[in-house]
Amino acid sequence: MKKQHLYNNGFTLIEIIVSIAILVLLMMTSFFYLRSNNTSVQVRTAASVLSDALRTAQTSAQSGVLVACGDGCMRVPSAFGVYIIQSDSSHGERPIAIMYADVDQGSVSADHRYTTQSDTTMEEAYPNLEIGTIVLDTLSLGGNSDVVIDSITGGDSSILVDIAFLTPTALMYIDGGVTNGRVTVTFSKGGITKDVIIDRVTGRIEPKF
């Protein structure tokens, strides 16, 4: 009678260790890829939110959209704008954009920029004019993510910039004037950056993805 030999066709310990190592490597690669892709989406979203806000202000100026004023009337503002702040303490030190309507009426008072408080001197001199701005919306750029504005170049300040569009021509004012030609707002997170380029001369708003 012949003896039957039983052979073990299972995996050796070395084969199991190698397989586990390959599996861990693949999982780590997938994790870092997904994390990088998610970061890119967050930065892109922040840039898109700002671009959309600027275009909304631009088209509102061209269309002459009516806004409700403090005295209960409806009025076409002299300009629509977006006030961009690199870091705001009331929003967890995150970047924000304040969409506003400039209700300064008449060239004597219209500086076409965001005003945090009324000019009492101008109000006393011109009681029939409404001085200041009406906040239409406040946008948290980047939402709850850690996306930051890395830099603001081309304006009067490196930490904030004011972009306004005159009604109805949509002529762009940068920080209350027409001397600056182009502003670049750079968003970043985890080494990934996206630029929003605002060109006063052409009126173009270009997110660079």
Foldseek 3Di string as FASTA:
>chain_A
DDDDDDDDPDDDPVVVVVVVVVVVVVVVVVVVVVVVVVQQVLQVQLLVVVLVLLVVQLVCQQVQDWDQDPVGDTHRAQKWKKKWFQFDVVVVGAIKIWTKGFQFDDPVQDLQWADPDFDVVVCVVPVVGDGHIDTPDMGGRSPPDPKTFPFKPQAPDTGIKMWIAGHNVGQIAIRSHDPGAKMWTWIDDPHDIWIWIQGRVVRDTDIHD
